[in-house]
């Protein structure tokens, strides 16, 4: 019996029923009333968005996203490097190359926000 309950289709159906029951229960106990006028504004952590001249441009946003992507891939690659002398030299060269590219990306993002 336990094997049947743990099979993916049966487990999915059980969790679907549990979530549906929780949804119906919560809907019955929510506050009733009109929507708040600011409900459909962009979410920014519960705070008002800064003035337009302070916001990041898409170019700066994607440059910073690329910077964080490079850093995360670098950590993944360096975590899997074997601990041999020749591998450590290659890893050191890899870190130097990544440091240069991260510096260029971060420097360019700083230059754009100053304009």
PDB file of N, CA and C in Angstrom:
ATOM      1  N   UNK A   1       0.817  -1.196   0.000  1.00  0.00           N
ATOM      2  CA  UNK A   1       0.000   0.000   0.000  1.00  0.00           C
ATOM      3  C   UNK A   1       0.863   1.263   0.000  1.00  0.00           C
ATOM      4  N   UNK A   2       1.967   1.245   0.777  1.00  0.00           N
ATOM      5  CA  UNK A   2       2.838   2.413   0.858  1.00  0.00           C
ATOM      6  C   UNK A   2       3.505   2.689  -0.485  1.00  0.00           C
ATOM      7  N   UNK A   3       3.850   1.640  -1.233  1.00  0.00           N
ATOM      8  CA  UNK A   3       4.476   1.841  -2.540  1.00  0.00           C
ATOM      9  C   UNK A   3       3.523   2.538  -3.504  1.00  0.00           C
ATOM     10  N   UNK A   4       2.242   2.218  -3.411  1.00  0.00           N
ATOM     11  CA  UNK A   4       1.258   2.865  -4.287  1.00  0.00           C
ATOM     12  C   UNK A   4       1.149   4.347  -3.940  1.00  0.00           C
ATOM     13  N   UNK A   5       1.152   4.681  -2.647  1.00  0.00           N
ATOM     14  CA  UNK A   5       1.043   6.078  -2.244  1.00  0.00           C
ATOM     15  C   UNK A   5       2.272   6.892  -2.633  1.00  0.00           C
ATOM     16  N   UNK A   6       3.423   6.250  -2.735  1.00  0.00           N
ATOM     17  CA  UNK A   6       4.649   6.951  -3.075  1.00  0.00           C
ATOM     18  C   UNK A   6       4.922   7.009  -4.578  1.00  0.00           C
ATOM     19  N   UNK A   7       4.079   6.403  -5.367  1.00  0.00           N
ATOM     20  CA  UNK A   7       4.284   6.484  -6.811  1.00  0.00           C
ATOM     21  C   UNK A   7       3.981   7.920  -7.259  1.00  0.00           C
ATOM     22  N   UNK A   8       4.732   8.452  -8.213  1.00  0.00           N
ATOM     23  CA  UNK A   8       4.565   9.861  -8.602  1.00  0.00           C
ATOM     24  C   UNK A   8       3.146  10.266  -9.006  1.00  0.00           C
ATOM     25  N   UNK A   9       2.412   9.509  -9.813  1.00  0.00           N
ATOM     26  CA  UNK A   9       1.065   9.977 -10.163  1.00  0.00           C
ATOM     27  C   UNK A   9       0.124  10.053  -8.960  1.00  0.00           C
ATOM     28  N   UNK A  10       0.172   9.056  -8.082  1.00  0.00           N
ATOM     29  CA  UNK A  10      -0.708   9.051  -6.909  1.00  0.00           C
ATOM     30  C   UNK A  10      -0.301  10.159  -5.941  1.00  0.00           C
ATOM     31  N   UNK A  11       1.005  10.338  -5.732  1.00  0.00           N
ATOM     32  CA  UNK A  11       1.481  11.407  -4.848  1.00  0.00           C
ATOM     33  C   UNK A  11       1.079  12.773  -5.408  1.00  0.00           C
ATOM     34  N   UNK A  12       1.151  12.948  -6.731  1.00  0.00           N
ATOM     35  CA  UNK A  12       0.734  14.203  -7.345  1.00  0.00           C
ATOM     36  C   UNK A  12      -0.749  14.469  -7.103  1.00  0.00           C
ATOM     37  N   UNK A  13      -1.568  13.453  -7.258  1.00  0.00           N
ATOM     38  CA  UNK A  13      -3.006  13.615  -7.043  1.00  0.00           C
ATOM     39  C   UNK A  13      -3.300  13.955  -5.584  1.00  0.00           C
ATOM     40  N   UNK A  14      -2.606  13.287  -4.660  1.00  0.00           N
ATOM     41  CA  UNK A  14      -2.813  13.566  -3.231  1.00  0.00           C
ATOM     42  C   UNK A  14      -2.429  15.006  -2.907  1.00  0.00           C
ATOM     43  N   UNK A  15      -1.268  15.462  -3.384  1.00  0.00           N
ATOM     44  CA  UNK A  15      -0.845  16.831  -3.113  1.00  0.00           C
ATOM     45  C   UNK A  15      -1.737  17.841  -3.819  1.00  0.00           C
ATOM     46  N   UNK A  16      -2.230  17.501  -4.998  1.00  0.00           N
ATOM     47  CA  UNK A  16      -3.158  18.383  -5.698  1.00  0.00           C
ATOM     48  C   UNK A  16      -4.445  18.554  -4.898  1.00  0.00           C
ATOM     49  N   UNK A  17      -4.942  17.471  -4.333  1.00  0.00           N
ATOM     50  CA  UNK A  17      -6.136  17.556  -3.491  1.00  0.00           C
ATOM     51  C   UNK A  17      -5.871  18.370  -2.222  1.00  0.00           C
ATOM     52  N   UNK A  18      -4.709  18.169  -1.597  1.00  0.00           N
ATOM     53  CA  UNK A  18      -4.372  18.934  -0.393  1.00  0.00           C
ATOM     54  C   UNK A  18      -4.254  20.429  -0.682  1.00  0.00           C
ATOM     55  N   UNK A  19      -3.593  20.773  -1.762  1.00  0.00           N
ATOM     56  CA  UNK A  19      -3.436  22.179  -2.121  1.00  0.00           C
ATOM     57  C   UNK A  19      -4.777  22.790  -2.492  1.00  0.00           C
ATOM     58  N   UNK A  20      -5.612  22.054  -3.207  1.00  0.00           N
ATOM     59  CA  UNK A  20      -6.941  22.557  -3.568  1.00  0.00           C
ATOM     60  C   UNK A  20      -7.787  22.791  -2.331  1.00  0.00           C
ATOM     61  N   UNK A  21      -7.743  21.875  -1.379  1.00  0.00           N
ATOM     62  CA  UNK A  21      -8.502  22.046  -0.138  1.00  0.00           C
ATOM     63  C   UNK A  21      -7.991  23.255   0.642  1.00  0.00           C
ATOM     64  N   UNK A  22      -6.682  23.441   0.704  1.00  0.00           N
ATOM     65  CA  UNK A  22      -6.120  24.602   1.394  1.00  0.00           C
ATOM     66  C   UNK A  22      -6.532  25.893   0.693  1.00  0.00           C
ATOM     67  N   UNK A  23      -6.547  25.899  -0.637  1.00  0.00           N
ATOM     68  CA  UNK A  23      -6.947  27.073  -1.407  1.00  0.00           C
ATOM     69  C   UNK A  23      -8.403  27.446  -1.113  1.00  0.00           C
ATOM     70  N   UNK A  24      -9.281  26.467  -1.127  1.00  0.00           N
ATOM     71  CA  UNK A  24     -10.701  26.722  -0.857  1.00  0.00           C
ATOM     72  C   UNK A  24     -10.879  27.232   0.575  1.00  0.00           C
ATOM     73  N   UNK A  25     -10.181  26.630   1.526  1.00  0.00           N
ATOM     74  CA  UNK A  25     -10.275  27.055   2.926  1.00  0.00           C
ATOM     75  C   UNK A  25      -9.800  28.502   3.096  1.00  0.00           C
ATOM     76  N   UNK A  26      -8.677  28.834   2.476  1.00  0.00           N
ATOM     77  CA  UNK A  26      -8.130  30.186   2.594  1.00  0.00           C
ATOM     78  C   UNK A  26      -9.031  31.198   1.901  1.00  0.00           C
ATOM     79  N   UNK A  27      -9.609  30.848   0.751  1.00  0.00           N
ATOM     80  CA  UNK A  27     -10.505  31.758   0.043  1.00  0.00           C
ATOM     81  C   UNK A  27     -11.743  32.085   0.884  1.00  0.00           C
ATOM     82  N   UNK A  28     -12.225  31.149   1.643  1.00  0.00           N
ATOM     83  CA  UNK A  28     -13.409  31.386   2.488  1.00  0.00           C
ATOM     84  C   UNK A  28     -13.093  32.303   3.664  1.00  0.00           C
ATOM     85  N   UNK A  29     -11.831  32.365   4.079  1.00  0.00           N
ATOM     86  CA  UNK A  29     -11.464  33.143   5.259  1.00  0.00           C
ATOM     87  C   UNK A  29     -10.689  34.419   4.928  1.00  0.00           C
ATOM     88  N   UNK A  30     -10.609  34.793   3.655  1.00  0.00           N
ATOM     89  CA  UNK A  30      -9.897  36.020   3.294  1.00  0.00           C
ATOM     90  C   UNK A  30     -10.798  37.227   3.515  1.00  0.00           C
ATOM     91  N   UNK A  31     -10.166  38.374   3.605  1.00  0.00           N
ATOM     92  CA  UNK A  31     -10.925  39.620   3.785  1.00  0.00           C
ATOM     93  C   UNK A  31     -11.659  39.951   2.491  1.00  0.00           C
ATOM     94  N   UNK A  32     -12.892  40.364   2.645  1.00  0.00           N
ATOM     95  CA  UNK A  32     -13.695  40.741   1.490  1.00  0.00           C
ATOM     96  C   UNK A  32     -13.630  42.259   1.325  1.00  0.00           C
ATOM     97  N   UNK A  33     -13.728  42.723   0.115  1.00  0.00           N
ATOM     98  CA  UNK A  33     -13.731  44.164  -0.118  1.00  0.00           C
ATOM     99  C   UNK A  33     -13.159  44.497  -1.480  1.00  0.00           C
ATOM    100  N   UNK A  34     -13.051  45.781  -1.741  1.00  0.00           N
ATOM    101  CA  UNK A  34     -12.524  46.258  -3.020  1.00  0.00           C
ATOM    102  C   UNK A  34     -11.007  46.111  -3.068  1.00  0.00           C
ATOM    103  N   UNK A  35     -10.492  46.041  -4.300  1.00  0.00           N
ATOM    104  CA  UNK A  35      -9.048  45.979  -4.476  1.00  0.00           C
ATOM    105  C   UNK A  35      -8.410  47.300  -4.043  1.00  0.00           C
ATOM    106  N   UNK A  36      -7.216  47.198  -3.530  1.00  0.00           N
ATOM    107  CA  UNK A  36      -6.455  48.384  -3.159  1.00  0.00           C
ATOM    108  C   UNK A  36      -6.012  49.097  -4.434  1.00  0.00           C
ATOM    109  N   UNK A  37      -6.008  50.430  -4.463  1.00  0.00           N
ATOM    110  CA  UNK A  37      -5.638  51.128  -5.700  1.00  0.00           C
ATOM    111  C   UNK A  37      -4.205  50.872  -6.154  1.00  0.00           C
ATOM    112  N   UNK A  38      -3.308  50.520  -5.256  1.00  0.00           N
ATOM    113  CA  UNK A  38      -1.916  50.272  -5.635  1.00  0.00           C
ATOM    114  C   UNK A  38      -1.626  48.793  -5.872  1.00  0.00           C
ATOM    115  N   UNK A  39      -2.665  47.976  -5.948  1.00  0.00           N
ATOM    116  CA  UNK A  39      -2.481  46.534  -6.074  1.00  0.00           C
ATOM    117  C   UNK A  39      -1.762  46.151  -7.364  1.00  0.00           C
ATOM    118  N   UNK A  40      -2.003  46.870  -8.441  1.00  0.00           N
ATOM    119  CA  UNK A  40      -1.459  46.482  -9.737  1.00  0.00           C
ATOM    120  C   UNK A  40      -0.218  47.268 -10.121  1.00  0.00           C
ATOM    121  N   UNK A  41       0.374  47.991  -9.189  1.00  0.00           N
ATOM    122  CA  UNK A  41       1.631  48.684  -9.457  1.00  0.00           C
ATOM    123  C   UNK A  41       2.786  47.685  -9.399  1.00  0.00           C
ATOM    124  N   UNK A  42       3.921  47.985 -10.025  1.00  0.00           N
ATOM    125  CA  UNK A  42       5.059  47.058  -9.971  1.00  0.00           C
ATOM    126  C   UNK A  42       5.517  46.824  -8.540  1.00  0.00           C
ATOM    127  N   UNK A  43       5.850  45.578  -8.213  1.00  0.00           N
ATOM    128  CA  UNK A  43       6.276  45.238  -6.860  1.00  0.00           C
ATOM    129  C   UNK A  43       7.749  45.558  -6.688  1.00  0.00           C
ATOM    130  N   UNK A  44       8.066  46.267  -5.633  1.00  0.00           N
ATOM    131  CA  UNK A  44       9.464  46.598  -5.364  1.00  0.00           C
ATOM    132  C   UNK A  44       9.778  46.427  -3.880  1.00  0.00           C
ATOM    133  N   UNK A  45       9.411  45.292  -3.327  1.00  0.00           N
ATOM    134  CA  UNK A  45       9.706  45.015  -1.934  1.00  0.00           C
ATOM    135  C   UNK A  45       8.816  45.793  -0.978  1.00  0.00           C
ATOM    136  N   UNK A  46       7.636  46.201  -1.435  1.00  0.00           N
ATOM    137  CA  UNK A  46       6.727  46.925  -0.575  1.00  0.00           C
ATOM    138  C   UNK A  46       7.023  48.401  -0.465  1.00  0.00           C
ATOM    139  N   UNK A  47       8.002  48.879  -1.250  1.00  0.00           N
ATOM    140  CA  UNK A  47       8.364  50.283  -1.191  1.00  0.00           C
ATOM    141  C   UNK A  47       7.979  50.976  -2.492  1.00  0.00           C
ATOM    142  N   UNK A  48       7.878  52.278  -2.450  1.00  0.00           N
ATOM    143  CA  UNK A  48       7.632  53.052  -3.658  1.00  0.00           C
ATOM    144  C   UNK A  48       8.877  52.966  -4.547  1.00  0.00           C
ATOM    145  N   UNK A  49       8.659  52.892  -5.852  1.00  0.00           N
ATOM    146  CA  UNK A  49       9.789  52.869  -6.774  1.00  0.00           C
ATOM    147  C   UNK A  49      10.518  54.204  -6.733  1.00  0.00           C
ATOM    148  N   UNK A  50      11.842  54.192  -6.874  1.00  0.00           N
ATOM    149  CA  UNK A  50      12.583  55.452  -6.873  1.00  0.00           C
ATOM    150  C   UNK A  50      12.263  56.256  -8.138  1.00  0.00           C
ATOM    151  N   UNK A  51      12.601  57.530  -8.144  1.00  0.00           N
ATOM    152  CA  UNK A  51      12.381  58.319  -9.354  1.00  0.00           C
ATOM    153  C   UNK A  51      13.088  57.707 -10.563  1.00  0.00           C
ATOM    154  N   UNK A  52      12.586  58.023 -11.744  1.00  0.00           N
ATOM    155  CA  UNK A  52      13.075  57.389 -12.964  1.00  0.00           C
ATOM    156  C   UNK A  52      14.577  57.580 -13.172  1.00  0.00           C
ATOM    157  N   UNK A  53      15.132  58.725 -12.797  1.00  0.00           N
ATOM    158  CA  UNK A  53      16.561  58.956 -13.035  1.00  0.00           C
ATOM    159  C   UNK A  53      17.452  58.105 -12.135  1.00  0.00           C
ATOM    160  N   UNK A  54      16.904  57.497 -11.086  1.00  0.00           N
ATOM    161  CA  UNK A  54      17.699  56.665 -10.177  1.00  0.00           C
ATOM    162  C   UNK A  54      17.660  55.193 -10.593  1.00  0.00           C
ATOM    163  N   UNK A  55      16.671  54.783 -11.362  1.00  0.00           N
ATOM    164  CA  UNK A  55      16.507  53.372 -11.730  1.00  0.00           C
ATOM    165  C   UNK A  55      17.608  52.912 -12.686  1.00  0.00           C
ATOM    166  N   UNK A  56      17.901  51.612 -12.621  1.00  0.00           N
ATOM    167  CA  UNK A  56      18.886  51.026 -13.534  1.00  0.00           C
ATOM    168  C   UNK A  56      18.299  50.904 -14.933  1.00  0.00           C
ATOM    169  N   UNK A  57      19.135  51.122 -15.933  1.00  0.00           N
ATOM    170  CA  UNK A  57      18.696  50.888 -17.303  1.00  0.00           C
ATOM    171  C   UNK A  57      18.784  49.386 -17.581  1.00  0.00           C
ATOM    172  N   UNK A  58      18.147  48.959 -18.663  1.00  0.00           N
ATOM    173  CA  UNK A  58      18.218  47.541 -19.011  1.00  0.00           C
ATOM    174  C   UNK A  58      19.648  47.126 -19.310  1.00  0.00           C
ATOM    175  N   UNK A  59      20.397  47.998 -19.953  1.00  0.00           N
ATOM    176  CA  UNK A  59      21.790  47.676 -20.287  1.00  0.00           C
ATOM    177  C   UNK A  59      22.596  47.424 -19.012  1.00  0.00           C
ATOM    178  N   UNK A  60      22.434  48.289 -18.022  1.00  0.00           N
ATOM    179  CA  UNK A  60      23.149  48.109 -16.751  1.00  0.00           C
ATOM    180  C   UNK A  60      22.661  46.861 -16.021  1.00  0.00           C
ATOM    181  N   UNK A  61      21.345  46.639 -16.050  1.00  0.00           N
ATOM    182  CA  UNK A  61      20.778  45.466 -15.375  1.00  0.00           C
ATOM    183  C   UNK A  61      21.332  44.174 -15.966  1.00  0.00           C
ATOM    184  N   UNK A  62      21.350  44.063 -17.301  1.00  0.00           N
ATOM    185  CA  UNK A  62      21.844  42.840 -17.918  1.00  0.00           C
ATOM    186  C   UNK A  62      23.348  42.688 -17.763  1.00  0.00           C
ATOM    187  N   UNK A  63      24.060  43.794 -17.711  1.00  0.00           N
ATOM    188  CA  UNK A  63      25.503  43.713 -17.472  1.00  0.00           C
ATOM    189  C   UNK A  63      25.774  43.178 -16.071  1.00  0.00           C
ATOM    190  N   UNK A  64      25.014  43.645 -15.082  1.00  0.00           N
ATOM    191  CA  UNK A  64      25.171  43.127 -13.719  1.00  0.00           C
ATOM    192  C   UNK A  64      24.722  41.669 -13.626  1.00  0.00           C
ATOM    193  N   UNK A  65      23.655  41.325 -14.361  1.00  0.00           N
ATOM    194  CA  UNK A  65      23.213  39.927 -14.394  1.00  0.00           C
ATOM    195  C   UNK A  65      24.287  39.026 -14.979  1.00  0.00           C
ATOM    196  N   UNK A  66      24.930  39.487 -16.051  1.00  0.00           N
ATOM    197  CA  UNK A  66      26.026  38.717 -16.654  1.00  0.00           C
ATOM    198  C   UNK A  66      27.191  38.584 -15.681  1.00  0.00           C
ATOM    199  N   UNK A  67      27.471  39.632 -14.936  1.00  0.00           N
ATOM    200  CA  UNK A  67      28.541  39.588 -13.941  1.00  0.00           C
ATOM    201  C   UNK A  67      28.264  38.514 -12.889  1.00  0.00           C
ATOM    202  N   UNK A  68      27.056  38.494 -12.348  1.00  0.00           N
ATOM    203  CA  UNK A  68      26.720  37.482 -11.348  1.00  0.00           C
ATOM    204  C   UNK A  68      26.700  36.081 -11.959  1.00  0.00           C
ATOM    205  N   UNK A  69      26.264  35.960 -13.209  1.00  0.00           N
ATOM    206  CA  UNK A  69      26.299  34.659 -13.882  1.00  0.00           C
ATOM    207  C   UNK A  69      27.715  34.140 -14.025  1.00  0.00           C
ATOM    208  N   UNK A  70      28.624  35.015 -14.430  1.00  0.00           N
ATOM    209  CA  UNK A  70      30.037  34.625 -14.568  1.00  0.00           C
ATOM    210  C   UNK A  70      30.602  34.189 -13.227  1.00  0.00           C
ATOM    211  N   UNK A  71      30.296  34.917 -12.182  1.00  0.00           N
ATOM    212  CA  UNK A  71      30.818  34.572 -10.849  1.00  0.00           C
ATOM    213  C   UNK A  71      30.280  33.213 -10.399  1.00  0.00           C
ATOM    214  N   UNK A  72      28.992  32.942 -10.637  1.00  0.00           N
ATOM    215  CA  UNK A  72      28.427  31.661 -10.208  1.00  0.00           C
ATOM    216  C   UNK A  72      29.012  30.496 -11.003  1.00  0.00           C
ATOM    217  N   UNK A  73      29.196  30.665 -12.302  1.00  0.00           N
ATOM    218  CA  UNK A  73      29.806  29.601 -13.099  1.00  0.00           C
ATOM    219  C   UNK A  73      31.260  29.396 -12.678  1.00  0.00           C
ATOM    220  N   UNK A  74      31.952  30.479 -12.360  1.00  0.00           N
ATOM    221  CA  UNK A  74      33.343  30.367 -11.907  1.00  0.00           C
ATOM    222  C   UNK A  74      33.436  29.546 -10.628  1.00  0.00           C
ATOM    223  N   UNK A  75      32.546  29.798  -9.694  1.00  0.00           N
ATOM    224  CA  UNK A  75      32.557  29.034  -8.437  1.00  0.00           C
ATOM    225  C   UNK A  75      32.283  27.558  -8.714  1.00  0.00           C
ATOM    226  N   UNK A  76      31.339  27.281  -9.620  1.00  0.00           N
ATOM    227  CA  UNK A  76      31.029  25.893  -9.958  1.00  0.00           C
ATOM    228  C   UNK A  76      32.232  25.197 -10.595  1.00  0.00           C
ATOM    229  N   UNK A  77      32.904  25.877 -11.514  1.00  0.00           N
ATOM    230  CA  UNK A  77      34.068  25.281 -12.177  1.00  0.00           C
ATOM    231  C   UNK A  77      35.207  25.078 -11.181  1.00  0.00           C
ATOM    232  N   UNK A  78      35.469  26.081 -10.365  1.00  0.00           N
ATOM    233  CA  UNK A  78      36.577  25.960  -9.411  1.00  0.00           C
ATOM    234  C   UNK A  78      36.305  24.916  -8.331  1.00  0.00           C
ATOM    235  N   UNK A  79      35.053  24.692  -8.007  1.00  0.00           N
ATOM    236  CA  UNK A  79      34.740  23.673  -7.002  1.00  0.00           C
ATOM    237  C   UNK A  79      34.980  22.269  -7.522  1.00  0.00           C
ATOM    238  N   UNK A  80      35.013  22.107  -8.830  1.00  0.00           N
ATOM    239  CA  UNK A  80      35.196  20.774  -9.406  1.00  0.00           C
ATOM    240  C   UNK A  80      36.610  20.547  -9.935  1.00  0.00           C
ATOM    241  N   UNK A  81      37.532  21.468  -9.695  1.00  0.00           N
ATOM    242  CA  UNK A  81      38.915  21.310 -10.168  1.00  0.00           C
ATOM    243  C   UNK A  81      39.621  20.275  -9.301  1.00  0.00           C
ATOM    244  N   UNK A  82      40.279  19.287  -9.932  1.00  0.00           N
ATOM    245  CA  UNK A  82      41.043  18.310  -9.139  1.00  0.00           C
ATOM    246  C   UNK A  82      42.221  18.990  -8.427  1.00  0.00           C
ATOM    247  N   UNK A  83      42.623  18.441  -7.307  1.00  0.00           N
ATOM    248  CA  UNK A  83      43.695  19.038  -6.517  1.00  0.00           C
ATOM    249  C   UNK A  83      45.063  18.493  -6.930  1.00  0.00           C
ATOM    250  N   UNK A  84      45.410  18.702  -8.191  1.00  0.00           N
ATOM    251  CA  UNK A  84      46.743  18.350  -8.694  1.00  0.00           C
ATOM    252  C   UNK A  84      47.447  19.644  -9.070  1.00  0.00           C
ATOM    253  N   UNK A  85      48.775  19.626  -9.119  1.00  0.00           N
ATOM    254  CA  UNK A  85      49.545  20.851  -9.366  1.00  0.00           C
ATOM    255  C   UNK A  85      49.223  21.452 -10.732  1.00  0.00           C
ATOM    256  N   UNK A  86      49.144  20.624 -11.781  1.00  0.00           N
ATOM    257  CA  UNK A  86      48.864  21.173 -13.111  1.00  0.00           C
ATOM    258  C   UNK A  86      47.433  21.723 -13.193  1.00  0.00           C
ATOM    259  N   UNK A  87      46.513  21.102 -12.510  1.00  0.00           N
ATOM    260  CA  UNK A  87      45.135  21.595 -12.504  1.00  0.00           C
ATOM    261  C   UNK A  87      45.015  22.906 -11.729  1.00  0.00           C
ATOM    262  N   UNK A  88      45.786  23.035 -10.662  1.00  0.00           N
ATOM    263  CA  UNK A  88      45.732  24.263  -9.885  1.00  0.00           C
ATOM    264  C   UNK A  88      46.287  25.450 -10.662  1.00  0.00           C
ATOM    265  N   UNK A  89      47.287  25.222 -11.501  1.00  0.00           N
ATOM    266  CA  UNK A  89      47.823  26.295 -12.340  1.00  0.00           C
ATOM    267  C   UNK A  89      46.771  26.755 -13.353  1.00  0.00           C
ATOM    268  N   UNK A  90      46.081  25.810 -13.952  1.00  0.00           N
ATOM    269  CA  UNK A  90      45.011  26.159 -14.889  1.00  0.00           C
ATOM    270  C   UNK A  90      43.896  26.902 -14.163  1.00  0.00           C
ATOM    271  N   UNK A  91      43.568  26.471 -12.950  1.00  0.00           N
ATOM    272  CA  UNK A  91      42.532  27.146 -12.163  1.00  0.00           C
ATOM    273  C   UNK A  91      42.957  28.571 -11.819  1.00  0.00           C
ATOM    274  N   UNK A  92      44.232  28.773 -11.529  1.00  0.00           N
ATOM    275  CA  UNK A  92      44.723  30.117 -11.229  1.00  0.00           C
ATOM    276  C   UNK A  92      44.600  31.027 -12.453  1.00  0.00           C
ATOM    277  N   UNK A  93      44.958  30.518 -13.623  1.00  0.00           N
ATOM    278  CA  UNK A  93      44.802  31.296 -14.859  1.00  0.00           C
ATOM    279  C   UNK A  93      43.331  31.590 -15.126  1.00  0.00           C
ATOM    280  N   UNK A  94      42.469  30.642 -14.836  1.00  0.00           N
ATOM    281  CA  UNK A  94      41.022  30.822 -14.998  1.00  0.00           C
ATOM    282  C   UNK A  94      40.518  31.936 -14.091  1.00  0.00           C
ATOM    283  N   UNK A  95      40.983  31.957 -12.838  1.00  0.00           N
ATOM    284  CA  UNK A  95      40.570  32.990 -11.893  1.00  0.00           C
ATOM    285  C   UNK A  95      41.070  34.365 -12.341  1.00  0.00           C
ATOM    286  N   UNK A  96      42.274  34.426 -12.864  1.00  0.00           N
ATOM    287  CA  UNK A  96      42.803  35.708 -13.349  1.00  0.00           C
ATOM    288  C   UNK A  96      41.949  36.217 -14.513  1.00  0.00           C
ATOM    289  N   UNK A  97      41.622  35.343 -15.455  1.00  0.00           N
ATOM    290  CA  UNK A  97      40.777  35.741 -16.582  1.00  0.00           C
ATOM    291  C   UNK A  97      39.398  36.181 -16.133  1.00  0.00           C
ATOM    292  N   UNK A  98      38.810  35.458 -15.196  1.00  0.00           N
ATOM    293  CA  UNK A  98      37.498  35.840 -14.674  1.00  0.00           C
ATOM    294  C   UNK A  98      37.557  37.145 -13.902  1.00  0.00           C
ATOM    295  N   UNK A  99      38.639  37.363 -13.193  1.00  0.00           N
ATOM    296  CA  UNK A  99      38.778  38.616 -12.450  1.00  0.00           C
ATOM    297  C   UNK A  99      38.821  39.810 -13.391  1.00  0.00           C
ATOM    298  N   UNK A 100      39.530  39.660 -14.503  1.00  0.00           N
ATOM    299  CA  UNK A 100      39.601  40.745 -15.491  1.00  0.00           C
ATOM    300  C   UNK A 100      38.216  41.001 -16.082  1.00  0.00           C
ATOM    301  N   UNK A 101      37.509  39.944 -16.484  1.00  0.00           N
ATOM    302  CA  UNK A 101      36.181  40.141 -17.080  1.00  0.00           C
ATOM    303  C   UNK A 101      35.194  40.694 -16.060  1.00  0.00           C
ATOM    304  N   UNK A 102      35.256  40.248 -14.803  1.00  0.00           N
ATOM    305  CA  UNK A 102      34.373  40.781 -13.771  1.00  0.00           C
ATOM    306  C   UNK A 102      34.691  42.250 -13.493  1.00  0.00           C
ATOM    307  N   UNK A 103      35.967  42.601 -13.497  1.00  0.00           N
ATOM    308  CA  UNK A 103      36.354  43.998 -13.284  1.00  0.00           C
ATOM    309  C   UNK A 103      35.829  44.882 -14.409  1.00  0.00           C
ATOM    310  N   UNK A 104      35.948  44.415 -15.648  1.00  0.00           N
ATOM    311  CA  UNK A 104      35.463  45.197 -16.787  1.00  0.00           C
ATOM    312  C   UNK A 104      33.949  45.364 -16.720  1.00  0.00           C
ATOM    313  N   UNK A 105      33.230  44.293 -16.417  1.00  0.00           N
ATOM    314  CA  UNK A 105      31.770  44.388 -16.329  1.00  0.00           C
ATOM    315  C   UNK A 105      31.333  45.295 -15.183  1.00  0.00           C
ATOM    316  N   UNK A 106      31.961  45.174 -14.033  1.00  0.00           N
ATOM    317  CA  UNK A 106      31.585  46.005 -12.890  1.00  0.00           C
ATOM    318  C   UNK A 106      31.968  47.460 -13.128  1.00  0.00           C
ATOM    319  N   UNK A 107      33.098  47.686 -13.732  1.00  0.00           N
ATOM    320  CA  UNK A 107      33.550  49.050 -14.013  1.00  0.00           C
ATOM    321  C   UNK A 107      32.627  49.725 -15.013  1.00  0.00           C
ATOM    322  N   UNK A 108      32.207  49.003 -16.035  1.00  0.00           N
ATOM    323  CA  UNK A 108      31.303  49.559 -17.038  1.00  0.00           C
ATOM    324  C   UNK A 108      29.956  49.880 -16.434  1.00  0.00           C
ATOM    325  N   UNK A 109      29.472  49.045 -15.518  1.00  0.00           N
ATOM    326  CA  UNK A 109      28.181  49.289 -14.868  1.00  0.00           C
ATOM    327  C   UNK A 109      28.269  50.529 -13.993  1.00  0.00           C
ATOM    328  N   UNK A 110      29.403  50.755 -13.324  1.00  0.00           N
ATOM    329  CA  UNK A 110      29.577  51.954 -12.504  1.00  0.00           C
ATOM    330  C   UNK A 110      29.632  53.196 -13.375  1.00  0.00           C
ATOM    331  N   UNK A 111      30.298  53.102 -14.528  1.00  0.00           N
ATOM    332  CA  UNK A 111      30.413  54.251 -15.423  1.00  0.00           C
ATOM    333  C   UNK A 111      29.053  54.675 -15.959  1.00  0.00           C
ATOM    334  N   UNK A 112      28.164  53.720 -16.237  1.00  0.00           N
ATOM    335  CA  UNK A 112      26.853  54.036 -16.797  1.00  0.00           C
ATOM    336  C   UNK A 112      25.955  54.709 -15.777  1.00  0.00           C
ATOM    337  N   UNK A 113      26.081  54.346 -14.501  1.00  0.00           N
ATOM    338  CA  UNK A 113      25.213  54.941 -13.486  1.00  0.00           C
ATOM    339  C   UNK A 113      25.630  56.372 -13.167  1.00  0.00           C
ATOM    340  N   UNK A 114      26.878  56.749 -13.464  1.00  0.00           N
ATOM    341  CA  UNK A 114      27.342  58.104 -13.199  1.00  0.00           C
ATOM    342  C   UNK A 114      26.853  59.088 -14.247  1.00  0.00           C
ATOM    343  N   UNK A 115      26.491  58.609 -15.434  1.00  0.00           N
ATOM    344  CA  UNK A 115      26.078  59.510 -16.519  1.00  0.00           C
ATOM    345  C   UNK A 115      24.756  60.157 -16.274  1.00  0.00           C
TER     346      UNK A 115
END
